[in-house]
Protein backbone atom coordinates (compact mmCIF):
# COMPACT_ATOMS: atom_id res chain seq x y z
CA MET A 1 66.98 95.67 -6.78
CA SER A 2 64.25 97.51 -4.89
CA SER A 3 64.69 98.78 -1.37
CA ALA A 4 61.92 96.43 -0.25
CA THR A 5 63.98 93.37 -1.24
CA ALA A 6 67.29 94.85 -0.08
CA ASN A 7 66.29 94.66 3.55
CA SER A 8 64.15 91.55 3.51
CA THR A 9 64.88 87.99 4.53
CA GLN A 10 64.24 85.31 1.96
CA PRO A 11 63.88 81.57 2.61
CA ALA A 12 66.54 79.37 1.06
CA GLU A 13 66.57 75.62 0.81
CA SER A 14 69.51 73.73 2.20
CA LYS A 15 69.63 69.94 2.05
CA GLY A 16 65.95 69.32 2.77
CA SER A 17 65.57 72.01 5.39
CA VAL A 18 64.63 75.65 5.04
CA GLU A 19 66.89 78.27 6.58
CA LEU A 20 66.59 82.02 6.43
CA VAL A 21 69.25 83.90 4.52
CA LYS A 22 69.64 87.62 4.97
CA THR A 23 69.68 89.25 1.55
CA ASP A 24 70.76 92.78 2.42
CA SER A 25 74.36 93.76 1.86
CA THR A 26 76.26 96.99 2.20
CA LEU A 27 78.25 95.91 -0.86
CA VAL A 28 75.26 95.68 -3.23
CA THR A 29 73.16 98.80 -3.53
CA ASP A 30 70.84 100.42 -6.04
CA GLU A 31 73.79 102.59 -7.10
CA GLY A 32 76.16 99.73 -7.84
CA VAL A 33 78.18 96.80 -6.56
CA THR A 34 81.45 96.87 -4.63
CA SER A 35 83.73 93.88 -4.91
CA ILE A 36 86.66 93.33 -2.55
CA ALA A 37 89.72 91.35 -3.67
CA ASP A 38 90.99 88.47 -1.56
CA VAL A 39 94.34 90.24 -1.11
CA VAL A 40 92.60 93.16 0.61
CA VAL A 41 90.96 90.88 3.17
CA ARG A 42 94.28 89.00 3.64
CA LYS A 43 96.11 92.23 4.41
CA ILE A 44 93.44 93.44 6.85
CA ALA A 45 93.45 90.08 8.64
CA GLY A 46 97.26 89.96 8.78
CA LEU A 47 97.60 93.49 10.13
CA ALA A 48 94.82 92.98 12.69
CA ALA A 49 96.34 89.70 13.98
CA ARG A 50 99.79 91.29 14.34
CA GLU A 51 98.28 94.05 16.54
CA VAL A 52 97.43 91.54 19.27
CA ARG A 53 100.00 91.34 22.09
CA GLY A 54 101.33 87.79 22.27
CA VAL A 55 101.42 87.20 18.50
CA HIS A 56 105.09 87.09 17.51
CA ALA A 57 104.68 86.43 13.79
CA LEU A 58 102.43 84.94 11.13
CA GLY A 59 103.22 82.07 8.79
CA GLY A 60 104.92 78.70 8.95
CA GLY A 61 108.68 78.24 9.09
CA ALA A 62 109.23 78.28 5.32
CA ALA A 63 107.04 81.37 4.85
CA ARG A 64 108.85 83.22 7.63
CA ALA A 65 112.25 82.28 6.16
CA PHE A 66 111.20 83.46 2.72
CA GLY A 67 109.83 86.71 4.27
CA ALA A 68 113.13 87.32 6.10
CA LEU A 69 115.00 86.77 2.84
CA ARG A 70 112.69 89.12 0.97
CA GLU A 71 113.21 91.88 3.60
CA ARG A 72 116.95 91.89 2.76
CA ILE A 73 116.33 92.74 -0.88
CA PRO A 74 116.43 96.53 -1.41
CA GLY A 75 112.98 97.85 -2.22
CA ALA A 76 111.18 94.69 -1.21
CA SER A 77 109.07 94.35 1.90
CA ALA A 78 107.58 91.53 3.92
CA SER A 79 104.07 90.53 2.93
CA VAL A 80 101.47 91.63 5.47
CA GLY A 81 99.34 88.74 4.23
CA GLN A 82 101.97 86.13 5.13
CA GLY A 83 100.42 83.29 7.14
CA VAL A 84 96.90 84.29 6.10
CA SER A 85 94.60 82.60 3.65
CA VAL A 86 91.07 83.76 2.92
CA GLU A 87 87.99 82.82 0.96
CA VAL A 88 85.93 85.84 -0.02
CA GLY A 89 82.42 85.66 -1.45
CA GLU A 90 79.98 88.39 -2.31
CA LYS A 91 78.86 88.93 1.28
CA GLN A 92 81.00 86.66 3.47
CA ALA A 93 84.60 85.81 4.18
CA ALA A 94 86.44 83.00 5.94
CA VAL A 95 89.98 83.36 7.28
CA ASP A 96 92.76 80.88 8.18
CA LEU A 97 95.71 82.14 10.21
CA GLU A 98 99.08 80.52 10.99
CA LEU A 99 100.49 82.06 14.20
CA VAL A 100 103.75 82.02 16.09
CA VAL A 101 102.97 82.92 19.67
CA GLU A 102 105.18 84.34 22.40
CA TYR A 103 106.22 81.84 25.08
CA GLY A 104 104.12 82.14 28.23
CA VAL A 105 100.99 83.48 26.53
CA GLY A 106 97.77 81.51 27.04
CA ILE A 107 97.03 80.17 23.55
CA ALA A 108 93.30 79.68 24.11
CA GLU A 109 92.80 83.24 25.31
CA LEU A 110 95.12 84.65 22.64
CA SER A 111 93.10 82.83 19.97
CA LYS A 112 89.87 84.41 21.24
CA VAL A 113 91.41 87.92 21.14
CA VAL A 114 92.93 87.40 17.67
CA ARG A 115 89.63 86.01 16.36
CA ARG A 116 87.64 88.97 17.73
CA THR A 117 90.17 91.52 16.46
CA VAL A 118 90.32 90.04 12.96
CA ILE A 119 86.53 89.73 12.66
CA ALA A 120 85.98 93.32 13.90
CA SER A 121 88.59 94.75 11.53
CA ILE A 122 87.38 92.91 8.42
CA GLU A 123 83.69 93.59 9.09
CA ARG A 124 84.28 97.26 9.90
CA MET A 125 86.50 97.93 6.90
CA THR A 126 84.78 95.83 4.23
CA GLY A 127 81.16 95.25 5.28
CA LEU A 128 81.68 91.51 4.70
CA GLU A 129 80.36 89.06 7.30
CA VAL A 130 83.23 86.94 8.66
CA VAL A 131 81.82 83.42 9.11
CA GLU A 132 84.94 81.84 10.59
CA VAL A 133 88.52 82.52 11.64
CA ASN A 134 90.51 79.32 11.97
CA ILE A 135 93.78 79.61 13.89
CA HIS A 136 96.70 77.22 13.61
CA VAL A 137 99.52 77.80 16.11
CA ASP A 138 102.62 76.84 14.17
CA ASP A 139 105.34 77.66 16.71
CA VAL A 140 106.21 79.24 20.05
CA HIS A 141 108.76 82.06 20.06
CA ILE A 142 111.25 82.02 22.88
CA ALA A 143 113.10 85.29 23.35
CA GLU A 144 116.46 83.52 23.76
CA ASP A 145 116.02 81.94 20.27
CA ALA A 146 116.11 85.31 18.59
CA GLU A 147 118.91 86.76 20.67
CA GLY A 148 121.13 83.72 20.75
CA PRO A 149 122.44 82.05 23.87
CA ASP A 150 122.81 84.14 27.00
CA THR A 151 126.54 84.84 27.31
CA THR A 152 126.24 86.75 30.61
CA ARG A 153 125.82 83.65 32.75
CA VAL A 154 128.55 82.66 35.08
CA ARG A 155 130.03 79.34 34.03
């Protein structure tokens, strides 16, 4: 590939219309090609989503139960990619997240922050363009659920 084509924009046909597709990529150079495994993007997305205040956990009920069971096995650890699925191409990635949010947090605003954080982390670390981050809120975490019933109340 010459440097003239590496930074050019080429027309591509798409269902009867012509759209412009950017052909440069930080992952394909004159010196070689870098490929990034799906699991790498899953881990980055999972870690980035967990950094956002208001996200309690990732994954559906069964995945969280399996993760809790796995944590009890000596030497095993919870999967940082739990609750994350990705599709990774040569230049682009798409992410689906299953979140458990803290009670009282605005879900719409939390989704925007999670989306921005995940996109920024993946694009910065991999050079891939993130085309979408779909968020499914699976549950709401209530602090009392984790701690059990409040036994300090006067009855």
